[in-house]
Amino acid sequence: MNSLKPMPTDAGLDALKTELRSRSDEFQALRHIPMDIVAKFKNIGVYRAFVPERFGGDNLSPQAFCRLIEEISSADASAGWVASFGVSATYLAALPPETYAKIYGADPDTVFAGAMFPPHEARRTPEGFEVSGRWPWGSGIMGASLAGGGIKVEGESSPLPRSAVMPRDKVVVEETWDAVGLRATGSHDIIADKVIVPEDWTFIRGSTPQMDDPIFRYPAMALAAQVLAVVALGAARGALDWVKQDALNRASITGAPSPAARAYVQIDFARAEGLLGGARAAFYDTIEEGWRQMQENGEVDPTTQIRLRHAASRAAQDGAEAARIAFTLGGSNAMATGHPLGRAMIDAACVAQHAFINTGSNQAAGAALFEQPTPPGYP
């Protein structure tokens, strides 16, 4: 019951991970993931993962997709972050079915990238809406064919934001992204200037989907948090694997025991592995339970929905801590610019800064567990 189709595990994924590691410095310099890598994401099914089979998709389960993103992230966290937006096929299920069919029926590997905030006023026109605005944090926009931006419509009272879907060539991308972490995500500003968007090319983010496939009825905000949180798990896994190989193979220039033979390294390595393993087990166990309920009952019960969100927050935060411990075990060498451990530590820390999964989300989880009021969209 893990998935309707299995996660790709062939040599193609292994080859891609090897390439991602070897080109990580290139991606950092570009500040985005280049189109040839996006094409390889398409080849392994990243963007059609959640697209229904009737449109040529793979119909993966949440667990299978998260494992795929975790694998990619273990090689390069920025690449994993960009790939995580293969989840967009579920967001767009809030579009009218006819619009969804136009998008994915034409190309199940369609790449969508967007940003919701701040939402900008959209003027009604006979053709739909006239959309203008600037949206930061447009992760993955450099490889997208469709762009999204949050809008406000006069007279609309939904607490959830509306998004306008626009052809990529109708917007301008200003390359503003210059960050120390998740540097290669290309999370630039998206700018629209009086773009006419038909109403049936807009949707309410987090609203009831307009198609009845199980993946579209799985809690949307939980899934959005999960696909981001798992990037931290992957980054930490890559960092700890690096530490293990280095500790086993590096000889000390002072004649001291190899790092693997030092007590403090053994203790902290075990602590980091335990932290990561516990977070990862809770994360996937909870997803599996939620998916089981969805398949058997047609819905996920409220308590499990809270657990899904909370487990995602723990995965992000504990993954970041495990990556931090890995950095300390790298010694002074890890301080060098571009070192894999420094990069993994900062990338994982940045994942855990996202509003869906940062430390503030723990308060929302606690409130939900006590059946107290929670922010809009939680769980």
Protein backbone atom coordinates (compact mmCIF):
# COMPACT_ATOMS: atom_id res chain seq x y z
CA MET A 1 0.00 0.00 0.00
CA ASN A 2 3.08 2.25 -0.17
CA SER A 3 2.27 3.48 -3.67
CA LEU A 4 0.21 2.82 -6.72
CA LYS A 5 3.45 2.69 -8.67
CA PRO A 6 6.90 2.18 -7.11
CA MET A 7 9.47 4.91 -6.65
CA PRO A 8 12.09 4.92 -9.40
CA THR A 9 15.02 2.86 -8.13
CA ASP A 10 16.87 2.07 -11.34
CA ALA A 11 20.32 3.13 -12.40
CA GLY A 12 18.87 6.38 -13.75
CA LEU A 13 18.29 7.74 -10.25
CA ASP A 14 21.74 6.67 -9.07
CA ALA A 15 23.34 8.27 -12.12
CA LEU A 16 21.38 11.46 -11.51
CA LYS A 17 22.53 11.63 -7.88
CA THR A 18 26.14 11.20 -8.96
CA GLU A 19 25.75 14.02 -11.46
CA LEU A 20 24.07 16.28 -8.91
CA ARG A 21 26.98 15.84 -6.50
CA SER A 22 29.56 16.50 -9.19
CA ARG A 23 27.80 19.66 -10.42
CA SER A 24 26.80 21.15 -7.08
CA ASP A 25 29.34 24.00 -7.34
CA GLU A 26 28.02 24.82 -10.81
CA PHE A 27 24.47 25.03 -9.47
CA GLN A 28 25.61 27.32 -6.66
CA ALA A 29 27.20 29.69 -9.16
CA LEU A 30 24.10 29.70 -11.36
CA ARG A 31 21.77 30.12 -8.35
CA HIS A 32 19.29 27.79 -10.04
CA ILE A 33 18.96 24.22 -11.29
CA PRO A 34 19.63 24.22 -15.06
CA MET A 35 17.20 22.98 -17.67
CA ASP A 36 19.15 19.81 -18.49
CA ILE A 37 18.69 18.67 -14.88
CA VAL A 38 15.00 19.62 -14.96
CA ALA A 39 14.74 17.41 -18.07
CA LYS A 40 16.30 14.55 -16.09
CA PHE A 41 13.79 15.15 -13.29
CA LYS A 42 11.11 14.68 -15.91
CA ASN A 43 12.77 11.47 -17.09
CA ILE A 44 12.58 9.89 -13.62
CA GLY A 45 8.97 11.00 -13.11
CA VAL A 46 9.27 13.92 -10.70
CA TYR A 47 6.64 16.10 -12.37
CA ARG A 48 4.16 13.40 -13.40
CA ALA A 49 4.38 11.64 -10.03
CA PHE A 50 0.97 12.84 -8.80
CA VAL A 51 -0.67 13.22 -12.20
CA PRO A 52 -3.49 10.67 -12.70
CA GLU A 53 -2.81 7.83 -15.10
CA ARG A 54 -5.60 8.99 -17.41
CA PHE A 55 -3.40 11.99 -18.24
CA GLY A 56 -0.22 9.93 -18.58
CA GLY A 57 0.93 10.33 -14.98
CA ASP A 58 2.38 7.82 -12.52
CA ASN A 59 -0.15 8.20 -9.68
CA LEU A 60 2.42 7.82 -6.88
CA SER A 61 1.55 7.78 -3.19
CA PRO A 62 2.77 10.58 -0.88
CA GLN A 63 5.26 8.20 0.71
CA ALA A 64 6.79 7.13 -2.59
CA PHE A 65 7.16 10.73 -3.77
CA CYS A 66 8.76 11.83 -0.49
CA ARG A 67 11.27 8.99 -0.73
CA LEU A 68 12.17 10.13 -4.24
CA ILE A 69 12.71 13.72 -3.07
CA GLU A 70 14.74 12.48 -0.10
CA GLU A 71 17.04 10.56 -2.44
CA ILE A 72 17.57 13.59 -4.67
CA SER A 73 18.14 15.83 -1.64
CA SER A 74 20.81 13.51 -0.26
CA ALA A 75 22.87 14.46 -3.32
CA ASP A 76 21.95 18.16 -3.51
CA ALA A 77 19.38 19.85 -1.28
CA SER A 78 18.66 22.68 -3.73
CA ALA A 79 17.90 20.12 -6.42
CA GLY A 80 15.63 18.26 -4.00
CA TRP A 81 13.82 21.49 -3.11
CA VAL A 82 13.17 22.27 -6.76
CA ALA A 83 12.08 18.69 -7.45
CA SER A 84 9.69 18.80 -4.48
CA PHE A 85 7.44 21.11 -6.47
CA GLY A 86 6.39 18.13 -8.51
CA VAL A 87 3.69 18.26 -5.84
CA SER A 88 2.14 21.12 -7.82
CA ALA A 89 0.03 18.61 -9.74
CA THR A 90 -2.00 18.24 -6.53
CA TYR A 91 -2.35 22.01 -5.95
CA LEU A 92 -3.64 22.45 -9.47
CA ALA A 93 -6.37 19.86 -8.87
CA ALA A 94 -8.31 22.79 -7.40
CA LEU A 95 -8.58 24.12 -10.96
CA PRO A 96 -11.66 23.18 -13.01
CA PRO A 97 -11.16 19.64 -14.39
CA GLU A 98 -11.24 20.98 -17.95
CA THR A 99 -8.32 23.30 -17.22
CA TYR A 100 -6.38 20.54 -15.47
CA ALA A 101 -6.93 18.30 -18.50
CA LYS A 102 -5.64 21.02 -20.82
CA ILE A 103 -2.44 21.27 -18.77
CA TYR A 104 -1.60 17.65 -18.02
CA GLY A 105 -3.38 16.04 -20.93
CA ALA A 106 -1.05 17.99 -23.18
CA ASP A 107 2.05 17.24 -21.07
CA PRO A 108 2.03 15.19 -17.84
CA ASP A 109 5.56 16.50 -17.17
CA THR A 110 4.43 20.14 -17.02
CA VAL A 111 6.51 22.19 -14.58
CA PHE A 112 4.65 24.76 -12.46
CA ALA A 113 6.31 27.23 -10.11
CA GLY A 114 4.69 30.00 -8.18
CA ALA A 115 4.51 32.11 -5.06
CA MET A 116 1.39 32.98 -3.10
CA PHE A 117 2.44 35.97 -1.01
CA PRO A 118 1.84 38.78 -0.93
CA PRO A 119 -1.48 38.42 -2.76
CA HIS A 120 -2.14 41.34 -5.11
CA GLU A 121 -5.45 42.90 -6.08
CA ALA A 122 -6.73 41.52 -9.38
CA ARG A 123 -9.19 43.52 -11.47
CA ARG A 124 -12.16 41.71 -12.99
CA THR A 125 -12.44 41.98 -16.77
CA PRO A 126 -14.78 40.37 -19.32
CA GLU A 127 -12.00 37.83 -20.00
CA GLY A 128 -11.36 36.99 -16.33
CA PHE A 129 -8.83 38.89 -14.21
CA GLU A 130 -6.15 41.45 -14.96
CA VAL A 131 -3.21 40.40 -12.80
CA SER A 132 -0.28 42.59 -11.81
CA GLY A 133 2.18 42.13 -8.99
CA ARG A 134 5.53 40.94 -7.74
CA TRP A 135 5.93 37.69 -5.82
CA PRO A 136 9.23 36.70 -4.18
CA TRP A 137 10.25 33.13 -3.36
CA GLY A 138 9.43 31.67 -6.78
CA SER A 139 11.40 28.46 -6.27
CA GLY A 140 12.01 26.55 -9.48
CA ILE A 141 10.70 29.27 -11.77
CA MET A 142 13.75 29.07 -14.04
CA GLY A 143 12.67 25.62 -15.20
CA ALA A 144 8.91 26.17 -15.30
CA SER A 145 6.47 26.49 -18.18
CA LEU A 146 3.65 27.77 -15.96
CA ALA A 147 3.88 30.44 -13.26
CA GLY A 148 1.55 31.22 -10.39
CA GLY A 149 0.93 34.29 -8.26
CA GLY A 150 -1.38 34.96 -5.33
CA ILE A 151 -4.25 37.37 -5.97
CA LYS A 152 -7.06 39.06 -4.05
CA VAL A 153 -10.47 39.51 -5.64
CA GLU A 154 -12.86 42.19 -4.42
CA GLY A 155 -15.85 40.68 -2.65
CA GLU A 156 -14.20 37.31 -2.07
CA SER A 157 -14.12 36.31 1.60
CA SER A 158 -12.21 33.00 1.61
CA PRO A 159 -9.47 32.87 4.29
CA LEU A 160 -7.38 30.88 1.80
CA PRO A 161 -5.53 32.65 -1.03
CA ARG A 162 -6.42 32.47 -4.71
CA SER A 163 -3.69 31.83 -7.26
CA ALA A 164 -3.58 32.82 -10.92
CA VAL A 165 -1.89 30.39 -13.33
CA MET A 166 -0.05 32.12 -16.17
CA PRO A 167 2.18 30.99 -19.04
CA ARG A 168 5.82 31.45 -18.06
CA ASP A 169 6.40 33.68 -21.08
CA LYS A 170 3.72 36.11 -19.84
CA VAL A 171 5.68 36.98 -16.68
CA VAL A 172 9.11 38.44 -15.99
CA VAL A 173 11.59 36.76 -13.66
CA GLU A 174 13.90 39.15 -11.82
CA GLU A 175 16.90 37.19 -10.58
CA THR A 176 16.87 38.47 -7.01
CA TRP A 177 17.72 35.23 -5.22
CA ASP A 178 21.16 35.47 -3.55
CA ALA A 179 21.16 33.31 -0.44
CA VAL A 180 23.67 31.29 1.58
CA GLY A 181 21.31 28.32 1.87
CA LEU A 182 19.24 26.54 -0.77
CA ARG A 183 21.20 28.85 -3.03
CA ALA A 184 20.54 26.94 -6.25
CA THR A 185 16.75 26.92 -5.98
CA GLY A 186 16.34 29.98 -8.20
CA SER A 187 13.74 31.39 -5.81
CA HIS A 188 13.57 34.64 -7.74
CA ASP A 189 10.85 37.29 -7.94
CA ILE A 190 8.00 36.67 -10.38
CA ILE A 191 6.52 39.83 -11.91
CA ALA A 192 3.23 40.15 -13.81
CA ASP A 193 2.12 43.33 -15.56
CA LYS A 194 -1.53 43.40 -16.59
CA VAL A 195 -1.63 39.74 -17.54
CA ILE A 196 -5.17 38.62 -18.46
CA VAL A 197 -5.97 35.34 -16.72
CA PRO A 198 -9.29 33.54 -17.40
CA GLU A 199 -11.15 32.74 -14.18
CA ASP A 200 -10.96 29.03 -14.92
CA TRP A 201 -7.16 29.36 -14.77
CA THR A 202 -7.33 30.43 -11.11
CA PHE A 203 -7.80 28.32 -7.98
CA ILE A 204 -8.08 28.58 -4.20
CA ARG A 205 -4.95 27.13 -2.61
CA GLY A 206 -5.96 24.43 -0.12
CA SER A 207 -9.60 24.32 -1.24
CA THR A 208 -11.56 21.17 -2.02
CA PRO A 209 -10.17 19.59 -5.20
CA GLN A 210 -12.46 19.31 -8.18
CA MET A 211 -11.41 15.74 -8.98
CA ASP A 212 -11.96 12.72 -6.76
CA ASP A 213 -8.66 10.83 -7.05
CA PRO A 214 -7.34 9.69 -3.63
CA ILE A 215 -4.18 11.80 -3.87
CA PHE A 216 -6.29 14.92 -4.37
CA ARG A 217 -8.29 14.14 -1.21
CA TYR A 218 -5.15 13.60 0.88
CA PRO A 219 -4.68 16.66 3.16
CA ALA A 220 -3.17 19.26 0.84
CA MET A 221 -1.39 21.41 3.40
CA ALA A 222 0.11 18.37 5.09
CA LEU A 223 1.47 17.14 1.77
CA ALA A 224 2.90 20.60 1.01
CA ALA A 225 4.75 20.51 4.34
CA GLN A 226 5.93 16.93 3.88
CA VAL A 227 7.56 17.40 0.48
CA LEU A 228 9.59 20.31 1.87
CA ALA A 229 10.49 18.70 5.19
CA VAL A 230 11.88 15.61 3.52
CA VAL A 231 14.56 17.78 1.88
CA ALA A 232 16.10 18.25 5.34
CA LEU A 233 16.04 14.49 5.92
CA GLY A 234 17.86 13.97 2.64
CA ALA A 235 20.43 16.68 3.31
CA ALA A 236 21.17 15.18 6.73
CA ARG A 237 21.45 11.69 5.26
CA GLY A 238 23.95 12.90 2.68
CA ALA A 239 25.96 14.70 5.36
CA LEU A 240 26.14 11.70 7.70
CA ASP A 241 27.11 9.40 4.85
CA TRP A 242 29.92 11.83 4.00
CA VAL A 243 31.09 11.89 7.64
CA LYS A 244 31.13 8.10 7.85
CA GLN A 245 33.23 7.65 4.73
CA ASP A 246 35.60 10.42 5.75
CA ALA A 247 35.98 9.14 9.31
CA LEU A 248 36.79 5.64 8.13
CA ASN A 249 39.29 6.71 5.50
CA ARG A 250 41.00 9.87 6.77
CA ALA A 251 44.34 9.54 8.51
CA SER A 252 45.30 12.17 11.08
CA ILE A 253 48.29 14.37 10.20
CA THR A 254 49.20 14.44 13.91
CA GLY A 255 49.26 10.67 14.33
CA ALA A 256 46.04 10.64 16.36
CA PRO A 257 43.52 7.84 15.83
CA SER A 258 41.31 8.08 12.76
CA PRO A 259 38.09 10.00 13.41
CA ALA A 260 36.10 6.76 13.41
CA ALA A 261 38.13 5.53 16.39
CA ARG A 262 37.60 8.65 18.51
CA ALA A 263 35.03 8.40 21.30
CA TYR A 264 33.49 11.83 20.82
CA VAL A 265 33.01 11.19 17.10
CA GLN A 266 31.37 7.85 17.82
CA ILE A 267 29.06 9.38 20.43
CA ASP A 268 27.95 12.33 18.33
CA PHE A 269 27.63 10.28 15.17
CA ALA A 270 25.36 7.82 16.98
CA ARG A 271 23.36 10.72 18.41
CA ALA A 272 22.85 12.24 14.97
CA GLU A 273 21.91 8.90 13.44
CA GLY A 274 19.38 8.32 16.22
CA LEU A 275 17.90 11.78 15.81
CA LEU A 276 17.58 11.38 12.06
CA GLY A 277 16.32 7.80 12.26
CA GLY A 278 13.63 8.67 14.79
CA ALA A 279 12.39 11.68 12.84
CA ARG A 280 12.41 9.72 9.61
CA ALA A 281 10.53 6.75 11.09
CA ALA A 282 7.81 8.97 12.57
CA PHE A 283 7.56 10.90 9.32
CA TYR A 284 7.03 7.89 7.07
CA ASP A 285 4.93 5.92 9.57
CA THR A 286 2.51 8.82 9.83
CA ILE A 287 2.32 9.27 6.06
CA GLU A 288 1.67 5.56 5.65
CA GLU A 289 -1.15 5.69 8.20
CA GLY A 290 -2.70 8.72 6.53
CA TRP A 291 -2.52 7.09 3.11
CA ARG A 292 -4.03 3.86 4.50
CA GLN A 293 -6.96 5.82 5.90
CA MET A 294 -7.41 7.63 2.61
CA GLN A 295 -7.54 4.41 0.62
CA GLU A 296 -9.77 2.54 3.08
CA ASN A 297 -12.07 5.30 4.35
CA GLY A 298 -11.86 8.00 1.70
CA GLU A 299 -10.54 10.55 4.21
CA VAL A 300 -7.90 11.14 6.87
CA ASP A 301 -9.20 11.56 10.41
CA PRO A 302 -8.55 14.88 12.21
CA THR A 303 -6.06 13.45 14.72
CA THR A 304 -3.95 11.93 11.96
CA GLN A 305 -4.04 15.21 10.04
CA ILE A 306 -2.46 16.91 13.04
CA ARG A 307 0.15 14.15 13.28
CA LEU A 308 0.97 14.56 9.59
CA ARG A 309 1.77 18.24 10.08
CA HIS A 310 3.62 17.73 13.34
CA ALA A 311 5.75 14.88 11.96
CA ALA A 312 6.73 17.07 9.01
CA SER A 313 7.87 19.82 11.38
CA ARG A 314 9.88 17.34 13.43
CA ALA A 315 11.46 15.90 10.29
CA ALA A 316 12.62 19.33 9.15
CA GLN A 317 13.89 20.46 12.55
CA ASP A 318 15.55 17.18 13.55
CA GLY A 319 17.01 16.78 10.07
CA ALA A 320 18.55 20.24 10.42
CA GLU A 321 20.01 19.32 13.81
CA ALA A 322 21.46 16.06 12.48
CA ALA A 323 23.09 17.98 9.63
CA ARG A 324 24.52 20.46 12.14
CA ILE A 325 26.07 17.63 14.15
CA ALA A 326 27.54 16.19 10.96
CA PHE A 327 29.17 19.55 10.27
CA THR A 328 30.82 19.60 13.71
CA LEU A 329 32.18 16.10 13.07
CA GLY A 330 33.85 17.35 9.90
CA GLY A 331 36.35 19.32 11.95
CA SER A 332 38.12 22.39 10.66
CA ASN A 333 38.07 21.09 7.08
CA ALA A 334 34.29 21.52 7.02
CA MET A 335 34.74 25.28 7.44
CA ALA A 336 35.98 25.68 3.86
CA THR A 337 33.72 27.51 1.43
CA GLY A 338 31.68 25.02 -0.55
CA HIS A 339 32.45 22.06 1.71
CA PRO A 340 29.67 19.42 1.47
CA LEU A 341 29.08 19.43 5.23
CA GLY A 342 28.80 23.19 5.51
CA ARG A 343 26.47 23.29 2.54
CA ALA A 344 24.28 20.49 3.92
CA MET A 345 24.09 22.14 7.34
CA ILE A 346 23.01 25.51 5.95
CA ASP A 347 20.62 24.00 3.41
CA ALA A 348 18.91 21.86 6.06
CA ALA A 349 18.68 24.85 8.41
CA CYS A 350 17.01 26.85 5.65
CA VAL A 351 14.48 24.08 5.02
CA ALA A 352 13.53 24.26 8.70
CA GLN A 353 12.96 28.04 8.38
CA HIS A 354 9.97 27.57 6.08
CA ALA A 355 6.73 28.80 7.63
CA PHE A 356 5.01 25.42 7.21
CA ILE A 357 7.63 23.56 9.26
CA ASN A 358 9.59 26.07 11.35
CA THR A 359 9.64 26.16 15.14
CA GLY A 360 6.51 28.32 15.14
CA SER A 361 4.61 25.41 13.61
CA ASN A 362 5.17 23.54 16.87
CA GLN A 363 2.86 26.00 18.59
CA ALA A 364 0.17 25.34 15.98
CA ALA A 365 0.61 21.60 16.50
CA GLY A 366 0.34 22.00 20.26
CA ALA A 367 -2.81 24.09 19.92
CA ALA A 368 -4.33 21.49 17.61
CA LEU A 369 -3.47 18.66 20.01
CA PHE A 370 -5.26 20.57 22.79
CA GLU A 371 -8.20 21.26 20.43
CA GLN A 372 -7.50 24.98 20.65
CA PRO A 373 -7.81 27.46 17.72
CA THR A 374 -5.11 27.14 15.06
CA PRO A 375 -3.97 29.41 12.21
CA PRO A 376 -5.90 29.25 8.90
CA GLY A 377 -4.92 26.19 6.90
CA TYR A 378 -3.65 24.22 9.92
CA PRO A 379 -3.67 21.28 10.01
